[in-house]
All heavy atoms as atom14 arrays in JSON, in Angstrom:
{
  "sequence": "VPEIWNLLDSVKDPEVPVISIWELGVLQDVLVTDGAVTVSITPTYSG",
  "atom14_mask": [
    [1, 1, 1, 1, 1, 1, 1, 0, 0, 0, 0, 0, 0, 0],
    [1, 1, 1, 1, 1, 1, 1, 0, 0, 0, 0, 0, 0, 0],
    [1, 1, 1, 1, 1, 1, 1, 1, 1, 0, 0, 0, 0, 0],
    [1, 1, 1, 1, 1, 1, 1, 1, 0, 0, 0, 0, 0, 0],
    [1, 1, 1, 1, 1, 1, 1, 1, 1, 1, 1, 1, 1, 1],
    [1, 1, 1, 1, 1, 1, 1, 1, 0, 0, 0, 0, 0, 0],
    [1, 1, 1, 1, 1, 1, 1, 1, 0, 0, 0, 0, 0, 0],
    [1, 1, 1, 1, 1, 1, 1, 1, 0, 0, 0, 0, 0, 0],
    [1, 1, 1, 1, 1, 1, 1, 1, 0, 0, 0, 0, 0, 0],
    [1, 1, 1, 1, 1, 1, 0, 0, 0, 0, 0, 0, 0, 0],
    [1, 1, 1, 1, 1, 1, 1, 0, 0, 0, 0, 0, 0, 0],
    [1, 1, 1, 1, 1, 1, 1, 1, 1, 0, 0, 0, 0, 0],
    [1, 1, 1, 1, 1, 1, 1, 1, 0, 0, 0, 0, 0, 0],
    [1, 1, 1, 1, 1, 1, 1, 0, 0, 0, 0, 0, 0, 0],
    [1, 1, 1, 1, 1, 1, 1, 1, 1, 0, 0, 0, 0, 0],
    [1, 1, 1, 1, 1, 1, 1, 0, 0, 0, 0, 0, 0, 0],
    [1, 1, 1, 1, 1, 1, 1, 0, 0, 0, 0, 0, 0, 0],
    [1, 1, 1, 1, 1, 1, 1, 0, 0, 0, 0, 0, 0, 0],
    [1, 1, 1, 1, 1, 1, 1, 1, 0, 0, 0, 0, 0, 0],
    [1, 1, 1, 1, 1, 1, 0, 0, 0, 0, 0, 0, 0, 0],
    [1, 1, 1, 1, 1, 1, 1, 1, 0, 0, 0, 0, 0, 0],
    [1, 1, 1, 1, 1, 1, 1, 1, 1, 1, 1, 1, 1, 1],
    [1, 1, 1, 1, 1, 1, 1, 1, 1, 0, 0, 0, 0, 0],
    [1, 1, 1, 1, 1, 1, 1, 1, 0, 0, 0, 0, 0, 0],
    [1, 1, 1, 1, 0, 0, 0, 0, 0, 0, 0, 0, 0, 0],
    [1, 1, 1, 1, 1, 1, 1, 0, 0, 0, 0, 0, 0, 0],
    [1, 1, 1, 1, 1, 1, 1, 1, 0, 0, 0, 0, 0, 0],
    [1, 1, 1, 1, 1, 1, 1, 1, 1, 0, 0, 0, 0, 0],
    [1, 1, 1, 1, 1, 1, 1, 1, 0, 0, 0, 0, 0, 0],
    [1, 1, 1, 1, 1, 1, 1, 0, 0, 0, 0, 0, 0, 0],
    [1, 1, 1, 1, 1, 1, 1, 1, 0, 0, 0, 0, 0, 0],
    [1, 1, 1, 1, 1, 1, 1, 0, 0, 0, 0, 0, 0, 0],
    [1, 1, 1, 1, 1, 1, 1, 0, 0, 0, 0, 0, 0, 0],
    [1, 1, 1, 1, 1, 1, 1, 1, 0, 0, 0, 0, 0, 0],
    [1, 1, 1, 1, 0, 0, 0, 0, 0, 0, 0, 0, 0, 0],
    [1, 1, 1, 1, 1, 0, 0, 0, 0, 0, 0, 0, 0, 0],
    [1, 1, 1, 1, 1, 1, 1, 0, 0, 0, 0, 0, 0, 0],
    [1, 1, 1, 1, 1, 1, 1, 0, 0, 0, 0, 0, 0, 0],
    [1, 1, 1, 1, 1, 1, 1, 0, 0, 0, 0, 0, 0, 0],
    [1, 1, 1, 1, 1, 1, 0, 0, 0, 0, 0, 0, 0, 0],
    [1, 1, 1, 1, 1, 1, 1, 1, 0, 0, 0, 0, 0, 0],
    [1, 1, 1, 1, 1, 1, 1, 0, 0, 0, 0, 0, 0, 0],
    [1, 1, 1, 1, 1, 1, 1, 0, 0, 0, 0, 0, 0, 0],
    [1, 1, 1, 1, 1, 1, 1, 0, 0, 0, 0, 0, 0, 0],
    [1, 1, 1, 1, 1, 1, 1, 1, 1, 1, 1, 1, 0, 0],
    [1, 1, 1, 1, 1, 1, 0, 0, 0, 0, 0, 0, 0, 0],
    [1, 1, 1, 1, 0, 0, 0, 0, 0, 0, 0, 0, 0, 0]
  ],
  "atom14_positions": [
    [[22.17, 32.97, 43.03], [21.35, 31.79, 42.75], [20.5, 31.41, 43.98], [20.58, 30.3, 44.5], [22.21, 30.59, 42.28], [22.71, 30.8, 40.86], [23.36, 30.33, 43.24], [0.0, 0.0, 0.0], [0.0, 0.0, 0.0], [0.0, 0.0, 0.0], [0.0, 0.0, 0.0], [0.0, 0.0, 0.0], [0.0, 0.0, 0.0], [0.0, 0.0, 0.0]],
    [[19.65, 32.34, 44.45], [18.85, 32.05, 45.64], [17.93, 30.85, 45.46], [17.6, 30.16, 46.43], [18.07, 33.34, 45.88], [18.04, 34.02, 44.55], [19.34, 33.65, 43.89], [0.0, 0.0, 0.0], [0.0, 0.0, 0.0], [0.0, 0.0, 0.0], [0.0, 0.0, 0.0], [0.0, 0.0, 0.0], [0.0, 0.0, 0.0], [0.0, 0.0, 0.0]],
    [[17.53, 30.58, 44.22], [16.65, 29.44, 43.97], [17.31, 28.12, 44.34], [16.63, 27.19, 44.8], [16.15, 29.43, 42.52], [17.22, 29.19, 41.46], [18.07, 30.4, 41.09], [17.88, 31.51, 41.62], [18.96, 30.23, 40.23], [0.0, 0.0, 0.0], [0.0, 0.0, 0.0], [0.0, 0.0, 0.0], [0.0, 0.0, 0.0], [0.0, 0.0, 0.0]],
    [[18.63, 28.03, 44.17], [19.32, 26.79, 44.54], [19.39, 26.66, 46.05], [19.15, 25.59, 46.62], [20.71, 26.72, 43.88], [20.56, 26.69, 42.35], [21.48, 25.49, 44.38], [21.87, 26.71, 41.59], [0.0, 0.0, 0.0], [0.0, 0.0, 0.0], [0.0, 0.0, 0.0], [0.0, 0.0, 0.0], [0.0, 0.0, 0.0], [0.0, 0.0, 0.0]],
    [[19.71, 27.75, 46.74], [19.71, 27.73, 48.21], [18.33, 27.29, 48.71], [18.23, 26.47, 49.62], [20.05, 29.1, 48.77], [21.47, 29.55, 48.6], [21.99, 30.22, 47.53], [22.54, 29.37, 49.53], [23.32, 30.48, 47.75], [23.69, 29.97, 48.96], [22.64, 28.78, 50.78], [24.92, 29.99, 49.6], [23.88, 28.81, 51.43], [25.0, 29.4, 50.84]],
    [[17.28, 27.84, 48.11], [15.92, 27.5, 48.53], [15.62, 26.03, 48.29], [14.96, 25.39, 49.12], [14.9, 28.39, 47.83], [15.0, 29.84, 48.27], [15.53, 30.15, 49.34], [14.52, 30.74, 47.44], [0.0, 0.0, 0.0], [0.0, 0.0, 0.0], [0.0, 0.0, 0.0], [0.0, 0.0, 0.0], [0.0, 0.0, 0.0], [0.0, 0.0, 0.0]],
    [[16.07, 25.48, 47.16], [15.91, 24.05, 46.9], [16.58, 23.22, 47.99], [16.04, 22.23, 48.47], [16.52, 23.67, 45.55], [15.72, 23.93, 44.3], [16.59, 23.71, 43.06], [14.5, 23.01, 44.25], [0.0, 0.0, 0.0], [0.0, 0.0, 0.0], [0.0, 0.0, 0.0], [0.0, 0.0, 0.0], [0.0, 0.0, 0.0], [0.0, 0.0, 0.0]],
    [[17.78, 23.64, 48.37], [18.55, 22.88, 49.35], [17.96, 22.95, 50.76], [18.33, 22.15, 51.62], [20.01, 23.33, 49.34], [20.76, 23.0, 48.04], [22.16, 23.6, 48.06], [20.81, 21.5, 47.81], [0.0, 0.0, 0.0], [0.0, 0.0, 0.0], [0.0, 0.0, 0.0], [0.0, 0.0, 0.0], [0.0, 0.0, 0.0], [0.0, 0.0, 0.0]],
    [[17.02, 23.87, 50.98], [16.32, 23.9, 52.28], [15.52, 22.62, 52.5], [15.16, 22.3, 53.63], [15.4, 25.12, 52.38], [16.17, 26.4, 52.64], [17.31, 26.34, 53.16], [15.63, 27.48, 52.33], [0.0, 0.0, 0.0], [0.0, 0.0, 0.0], [0.0, 0.0, 0.0], [0.0, 0.0, 0.0], [0.0, 0.0, 0.0], [0.0, 0.0, 0.0]],
    [[15.25, 21.88, 51.43], [14.5, 20.62, 51.57], [15.4, 19.45, 51.98], [14.91, 18.38, 52.33], [13.78, 20.28, 50.26], [14.72, 19.92, 49.26], [0.0, 0.0, 0.0], [0.0, 0.0, 0.0], [0.0, 0.0, 0.0], [0.0, 0.0, 0.0], [0.0, 0.0, 0.0], [0.0, 0.0, 0.0], [0.0, 0.0, 0.0], [0.0, 0.0, 0.0]],
    [[16.72, 19.64, 51.94], [17.65, 18.58, 52.31], [17.81, 18.58, 53.83], [18.24, 19.56, 54.42], [19.01, 18.75, 51.61], [19.99, 17.66, 52.06], [18.85, 18.74, 50.1], [0.0, 0.0, 0.0], [0.0, 0.0, 0.0], [0.0, 0.0, 0.0], [0.0, 0.0, 0.0], [0.0, 0.0, 0.0], [0.0, 0.0, 0.0], [0.0, 0.0, 0.0]],
    [[17.42, 17.47, 54.43], [17.44, 17.35, 55.89], [18.66, 16.59, 56.38], [19.29, 15.83, 55.63], [16.18, 16.61, 56.37], [14.86, 17.23, 55.9], [14.67, 18.62, 56.43], [13.32, 19.18, 56.01], [13.16, 20.57, 56.32], [0.0, 0.0, 0.0], [0.0, 0.0, 0.0], [0.0, 0.0, 0.0], [0.0, 0.0, 0.0], [0.0, 0.0, 0.0]],
    [[18.98, 16.78, 57.63], [20.02, 16.0, 58.29], [19.47, 14.58, 58.4], [18.41, 14.37, 59.0], [20.3, 16.59, 59.68], [21.32, 15.8, 60.48], [21.61, 14.63, 60.14], [21.82, 16.35, 61.46], [0.0, 0.0, 0.0], [0.0, 0.0, 0.0], [0.0, 0.0, 0.0], [0.0, 0.0, 0.0], [0.0, 0.0, 0.0], [0.0, 0.0, 0.0]],
    [[20.16, 13.57, 57.85], [19.62, 12.2, 57.91], [19.51, 11.64, 59.33], [18.72, 10.74, 59.58], [20.59, 11.38, 57.06], [21.82, 12.21, 56.95], [21.42, 13.64, 57.12], [0.0, 0.0, 0.0], [0.0, 0.0, 0.0], [0.0, 0.0, 0.0], [0.0, 0.0, 0.0], [0.0, 0.0, 0.0], [0.0, 0.0, 0.0], [0.0, 0.0, 0.0]],
    [[20.29, 12.18, 60.26], [20.22, 11.71, 61.65], [19.17, 12.46, 62.46], [18.71, 11.97, 63.49], [21.58, 11.84, 62.32], [22.62, 10.94, 61.68], [24.03, 11.17, 62.2], [24.33, 12.26, 62.73], [24.85, 10.25, 62.07], [0.0, 0.0, 0.0], [0.0, 0.0, 0.0], [0.0, 0.0, 0.0], [0.0, 0.0, 0.0], [0.0, 0.0, 0.0]],
    [[18.81, 13.65, 62.02], [17.77, 14.46, 62.68], [16.91, 15.05, 61.56], [17.09, 16.21, 61.19], [18.38, 15.57, 63.56], [17.29, 16.26, 64.37], [19.47, 15.04, 64.48], [0.0, 0.0, 0.0], [0.0, 0.0, 0.0], [0.0, 0.0, 0.0], [0.0, 0.0, 0.0], [0.0, 0.0, 0.0], [0.0, 0.0, 0.0], [0.0, 0.0, 0.0]],
    [[16.0, 14.26, 61.0], [15.29, 14.67, 59.78], [14.3, 15.81, 59.94], [13.58, 16.12, 58.99], [14.6, 13.38, 59.35], [14.46, 12.58, 60.59], [15.64, 12.92, 61.45], [0.0, 0.0, 0.0], [0.0, 0.0, 0.0], [0.0, 0.0, 0.0], [0.0, 0.0, 0.0], [0.0, 0.0, 0.0], [0.0, 0.0, 0.0], [0.0, 0.0, 0.0]],
    [[14.29, 16.47, 61.08], [13.39, 17.63, 61.25], [14.11, 18.95, 61.01], [13.48, 20.0, 61.03], [12.72, 17.65, 62.65], [11.8, 16.44, 62.81], [13.76, 17.7, 63.76], [0.0, 0.0, 0.0], [0.0, 0.0, 0.0], [0.0, 0.0, 0.0], [0.0, 0.0, 0.0], [0.0, 0.0, 0.0], [0.0, 0.0, 0.0], [0.0, 0.0, 0.0]],
    [[15.45, 18.89, 60.79], [16.17, 20.13, 60.52], [16.93, 20.02, 59.2], [17.44, 18.96, 58.85], [17.14, 20.54, 61.66], [18.15, 19.45, 61.97], [16.37, 20.92, 62.91], [19.17, 19.85, 63.0], [0.0, 0.0, 0.0], [0.0, 0.0, 0.0], [0.0, 0.0, 0.0], [0.0, 0.0, 0.0], [0.0, 0.0, 0.0], [0.0, 0.0, 0.0]],
    [[16.99, 21.13, 58.49], [17.67, 21.15, 57.2], [19.17, 21.32, 57.42], [19.62, 21.75, 58.49], [17.15, 22.29, 56.34], [17.6, 23.54, 56.83], [0.0, 0.0, 0.0], [0.0, 0.0, 0.0], [0.0, 0.0, 0.0], [0.0, 0.0, 0.0], [0.0, 0.0, 0.0], [0.0, 0.0, 0.0], [0.0, 0.0, 0.0], [0.0, 0.0, 0.0]],
    [[19.92, 21.03, 56.36], [21.36, 21.2, 56.45], [21.73, 22.68, 56.58], [22.77, 23.01, 57.12], [22.11, 20.53, 55.27], [21.66, 21.1, 53.92], [21.94, 19.01, 55.34], [22.47, 20.6, 52.74], [0.0, 0.0, 0.0], [0.0, 0.0, 0.0], [0.0, 0.0, 0.0], [0.0, 0.0, 0.0], [0.0, 0.0, 0.0], [0.0, 0.0, 0.0]],
    [[20.84, 23.57, 56.12], [21.06, 25.0, 56.32], [20.88, 25.35, 57.8], [21.72, 26.01, 58.41], [20.14, 25.85, 55.46], [20.19, 27.3, 55.84], [19.25, 27.99, 56.55], [21.25, 28.22, 55.59], [19.67, 29.29, 56.76], [20.89, 29.45, 56.17], [22.48, 28.13, 54.94], [21.71, 30.58, 56.11], [23.28, 29.25, 54.87], [22.9, 30.47, 55.45]],
    [[19.76, 24.91, 58.4], [19.47, 25.22, 59.8], [20.54, 24.65, 60.72], [20.88, 25.25, 61.73], [18.1, 24.65, 60.2], [16.94, 25.32, 59.52], [15.65, 24.56, 59.72], [15.64, 23.32, 59.6], [14.63, 25.23, 59.98], [0.0, 0.0, 0.0], [0.0, 0.0, 0.0], [0.0, 0.0, 0.0], [0.0, 0.0, 0.0], [0.0, 0.0, 0.0]],
    [[21.07, 23.48, 60.34], [22.12, 22.84, 61.14], [23.45, 23.59, 61.04], [24.28, 23.5, 61.93], [22.29, 21.39, 60.68], [23.28, 20.52, 61.43], [22.94, 20.42, 62.91], [23.34, 19.14, 60.8], [0.0, 0.0, 0.0], [0.0, 0.0, 0.0], [0.0, 0.0, 0.0], [0.0, 0.0, 0.0], [0.0, 0.0, 0.0], [0.0, 0.0, 0.0]],
    [[23.62, 24.36, 59.98], [24.87, 25.09, 59.79], [25.87, 24.36, 58.93], [27.02, 24.79, 58.8], [0.0, 0.0, 0.0], [0.0, 0.0, 0.0], [0.0, 0.0, 0.0], [0.0, 0.0, 0.0], [0.0, 0.0, 0.0], [0.0, 0.0, 0.0], [0.0, 0.0, 0.0], [0.0, 0.0, 0.0], [0.0, 0.0, 0.0], [0.0, 0.0, 0.0]],
    [[25.46, 23.26, 58.31], [26.35, 22.45, 57.49], [26.51, 23.04, 56.08], [27.6, 23.03, 55.52], [25.81, 20.99, 57.42], [26.5, 20.18, 56.34], [25.97, 20.33, 58.78], [0.0, 0.0, 0.0], [0.0, 0.0, 0.0], [0.0, 0.0, 0.0], [0.0, 0.0, 0.0], [0.0, 0.0, 0.0], [0.0, 0.0, 0.0], [0.0, 0.0, 0.0]],
    [[25.43, 23.57, 55.52], [25.47, 24.14, 54.17], [26.23, 25.46, 54.21], [25.82, 26.4, 54.89], [24.05, 24.35, 53.64], [23.92, 24.98, 52.25], [24.64, 24.17, 51.19], [22.44, 25.14, 51.91], [0.0, 0.0, 0.0], [0.0, 0.0, 0.0], [0.0, 0.0, 0.0], [0.0, 0.0, 0.0], [0.0, 0.0, 0.0], [0.0, 0.0, 0.0]],
    [[27.35, 25.53, 53.47], [28.23, 26.7, 53.52], [28.1, 27.63, 52.32], [28.08, 28.84, 52.48], [29.69, 26.25, 53.63], [29.99, 25.52, 54.91], [29.79, 26.38, 56.12], [30.25, 27.51, 56.17], [29.1, 25.87, 57.12], [0.0, 0.0, 0.0], [0.0, 0.0, 0.0], [0.0, 0.0, 0.0], [0.0, 0.0, 0.0], [0.0, 0.0, 0.0]],
    [[28.06, 27.06, 51.12], [28.08, 27.92, 49.94], [27.53, 27.18, 48.73], [27.55, 25.94, 48.68], [29.53, 28.36, 49.64], [29.6, 29.66, 48.83], [28.54, 30.22, 48.48], [30.72, 30.11, 48.56], [0.0, 0.0, 0.0], [0.0, 0.0, 0.0], [0.0, 0.0, 0.0], [0.0, 0.0, 0.0], [0.0, 0.0, 0.0], [0.0, 0.0, 0.0]],
    [[27.03, 27.95, 47.77], [26.53, 27.44, 46.5], [27.08, 28.35, 45.41], [26.9, 29.57, 45.47], [24.99, 27.45, 46.45], [24.5, 27.01, 45.08], [24.39, 26.58, 47.55], [0.0, 0.0, 0.0], [0.0, 0.0, 0.0], [0.0, 0.0, 0.0], [0.0, 0.0, 0.0], [0.0, 0.0, 0.0], [0.0, 0.0, 0.0], [0.0, 0.0, 0.0]],
    [[27.76, 27.74, 44.45], [28.3, 28.49, 43.32], [27.89, 27.8, 42.03], [27.8, 26.56, 41.99], [29.82, 28.56, 43.4], [30.42, 29.24, 44.62], [31.93, 29.03, 44.67], [30.1, 30.73, 44.61], [0.0, 0.0, 0.0], [0.0, 0.0, 0.0], [0.0, 0.0, 0.0], [0.0, 0.0, 0.0], [0.0, 0.0, 0.0], [0.0, 0.0, 0.0]],
    [[27.66, 28.59, 40.99], [27.38, 28.04, 39.67], [28.41, 28.61, 38.71], [28.55, 29.83, 38.6], [25.94, 28.37, 39.2], [25.7, 27.84, 37.8], [24.91, 27.8, 40.17], [0.0, 0.0, 0.0], [0.0, 0.0, 0.0], [0.0, 0.0, 0.0], [0.0, 0.0, 0.0], [0.0, 0.0, 0.0], [0.0, 0.0, 0.0], [0.0, 0.0, 0.0]],
    [[29.13, 27.71, 38.05], [30.15, 28.1, 37.08], [29.95, 27.28, 35.81], [29.98, 26.05, 35.86], [31.57, 27.84, 37.64], [31.69, 28.46, 38.91], [32.63, 28.39, 36.71], [0.0, 0.0, 0.0], [0.0, 0.0, 0.0], [0.0, 0.0, 0.0], [0.0, 0.0, 0.0], [0.0, 0.0, 0.0], [0.0, 0.0, 0.0], [0.0, 0.0, 0.0]],
    [[29.7, 27.97, 34.71], [29.48, 27.3, 33.42], [28.43, 26.2, 33.52], [28.6, 25.11, 32.97], [30.8, 26.72, 32.88], [31.85, 27.79, 32.62], [31.46, 28.91, 32.22], [33.04, 27.5, 32.83], [0.0, 0.0, 0.0], [0.0, 0.0, 0.0], [0.0, 0.0, 0.0], [0.0, 0.0, 0.0], [0.0, 0.0, 0.0], [0.0, 0.0, 0.0]],
    [[27.36, 26.47, 34.24], [26.26, 25.51, 34.37], [26.46, 24.42, 35.4], [25.55, 23.64, 35.65], [0.0, 0.0, 0.0], [0.0, 0.0, 0.0], [0.0, 0.0, 0.0], [0.0, 0.0, 0.0], [0.0, 0.0, 0.0], [0.0, 0.0, 0.0], [0.0, 0.0, 0.0], [0.0, 0.0, 0.0], [0.0, 0.0, 0.0], [0.0, 0.0, 0.0]],
    [[27.64, 24.33, 35.99], [27.9, 23.32, 37.02], [27.67, 23.93, 38.4], [28.11, 25.04, 38.68], [29.33, 22.82, 36.91], [0.0, 0.0, 0.0], [0.0, 0.0, 0.0], [0.0, 0.0, 0.0], [0.0, 0.0, 0.0], [0.0, 0.0, 0.0], [0.0, 0.0, 0.0], [0.0, 0.0, 0.0], [0.0, 0.0, 0.0], [0.0, 0.0, 0.0]],
    [[26.97, 23.2, 39.25], [26.67, 23.66, 40.6], [27.67, 23.03, 41.56], [27.84, 21.81, 41.58], [25.24, 23.28, 41.03], [24.95, 23.77, 42.45], [24.22, 23.82, 40.05], [0.0, 0.0, 0.0], [0.0, 0.0, 0.0], [0.0, 0.0, 0.0], [0.0, 0.0, 0.0], [0.0, 0.0, 0.0], [0.0, 0.0, 0.0], [0.0, 0.0, 0.0]],
    [[28.32, 23.86, 42.36], [29.23, 23.39, 43.39], [28.65, 23.8, 44.73], [28.37, 24.98, 44.96], [30.64, 23.99, 43.23], [31.13, 23.65, 41.93], [31.59, 23.46, 44.29], [0.0, 0.0, 0.0], [0.0, 0.0, 0.0], [0.0, 0.0, 0.0], [0.0, 0.0, 0.0], [0.0, 0.0, 0.0], [0.0, 0.0, 0.0], [0.0, 0.0, 0.0]],
    [[28.45, 22.81, 45.6], [27.9, 23.04, 46.93], [28.96, 22.68, 47.95], [29.55, 21.59, 47.87], [26.63, 22.18, 47.15], [26.08, 22.39, 48.56], [25.57, 22.49, 46.1], [0.0, 0.0, 0.0], [0.0, 0.0, 0.0], [0.0, 0.0, 0.0], [0.0, 0.0, 0.0], [0.0, 0.0, 0.0], [0.0, 0.0, 0.0], [0.0, 0.0, 0.0]],
    [[29.23, 23.57, 48.89], [30.2, 23.32, 49.95], [29.46, 23.04, 51.25], [28.54, 23.78, 51.62], [31.11, 24.53, 50.14], [31.86, 24.76, 48.97], [0.0, 0.0, 0.0], [0.0, 0.0, 0.0], [0.0, 0.0, 0.0], [0.0, 0.0, 0.0], [0.0, 0.0, 0.0], [0.0, 0.0, 0.0], [0.0, 0.0, 0.0], [0.0, 0.0, 0.0]],
    [[29.89, 21.98, 51.93], [29.3, 21.61, 53.21], [30.42, 21.34, 54.22], [31.52, 20.94, 53.85], [28.37, 20.38, 53.11], [29.09, 19.17, 52.51], [27.12, 20.73, 52.29], [28.26, 17.89, 52.46], [0.0, 0.0, 0.0], [0.0, 0.0, 0.0], [0.0, 0.0, 0.0], [0.0, 0.0, 0.0], [0.0, 0.0, 0.0], [0.0, 0.0, 0.0]],
    [[30.11, 21.57, 55.48], [31.04, 21.3, 56.58], [30.4, 20.3, 57.52], [29.3, 20.54, 58.03], [31.36, 22.6, 57.35], [32.0, 23.52, 56.47], [32.27, 22.33, 58.53], [0.0, 0.0, 0.0], [0.0, 0.0, 0.0], [0.0, 0.0, 0.0], [0.0, 0.0, 0.0], [0.0, 0.0, 0.0], [0.0, 0.0, 0.0], [0.0, 0.0, 0.0]],
    [[31.04, 19.15, 57.75], [30.45, 18.17, 58.68], [30.47, 18.68, 60.11], [31.28, 19.53, 60.47], [31.38, 16.95, 58.52], [32.67, 17.51, 58.04], [32.33, 18.74, 57.23], [0.0, 0.0, 0.0], [0.0, 0.0, 0.0], [0.0, 0.0, 0.0], [0.0, 0.0, 0.0], [0.0, 0.0, 0.0], [0.0, 0.0, 0.0], [0.0, 0.0, 0.0]],
    [[29.58, 18.13, 60.92], [29.52, 18.54, 62.32], [30.78, 18.12, 63.07], [31.12, 18.73, 64.07], [28.28, 17.95, 63.03], [28.29, 16.53, 62.87], [27.01, 18.55, 62.45], [0.0, 0.0, 0.0], [0.0, 0.0, 0.0], [0.0, 0.0, 0.0], [0.0, 0.0, 0.0], [0.0, 0.0, 0.0], [0.0, 0.0, 0.0], [0.0, 0.0, 0.0]],
    [[31.44, 17.09, 62.61], [32.79, 16.74, 63.08], [33.45, 15.93, 61.98], [32.76, 15.42, 61.08], [32.78, 16.01, 64.44], [32.17, 14.63, 64.43], [32.96, 13.49, 64.38], [30.79, 14.46, 64.48], [32.4, 12.23, 64.37], [30.22, 13.2, 64.47], [31.03, 12.09, 64.42], [30.47, 10.84, 64.4], [0.0, 0.0, 0.0], [0.0, 0.0, 0.0]],
    [[34.76, 15.84, 61.98], [35.49, 15.3, 60.82], [35.11, 13.87, 60.47], [35.2, 13.49, 59.3], [37.0, 15.42, 61.04], [37.39, 14.68, 62.16], [0.0, 0.0, 0.0], [0.0, 0.0, 0.0], [0.0, 0.0, 0.0], [0.0, 0.0, 0.0], [0.0, 0.0, 0.0], [0.0, 0.0, 0.0], [0.0, 0.0, 0.0], [0.0, 0.0, 0.0]],
    [[34.67, 13.08, 61.4], [34.3, 11.69, 61.12], [32.81, 11.47, 61.02], [32.34, 10.33, 61.12], [0.0, 0.0, 0.0], [0.0, 0.0, 0.0], [0.0, 0.0, 0.0], [0.0, 0.0, 0.0], [0.0, 0.0, 0.0], [0.0, 0.0, 0.0], [0.0, 0.0, 0.0], [0.0, 0.0, 0.0], [0.0, 0.0, 0.0], [0.0, 0.0, 0.0]]
  ]
}
């Protein structure tokens, strides 16, 4: 589903709005199961 990854390139870090969550390394995975999209993200720190 590369089209979903490409869509998510428009999602920016709200604290640094010049970089995407992909560029930051937060976006981990995108899966589609039975039409439902599951996106996995990792915060820069737990809090």
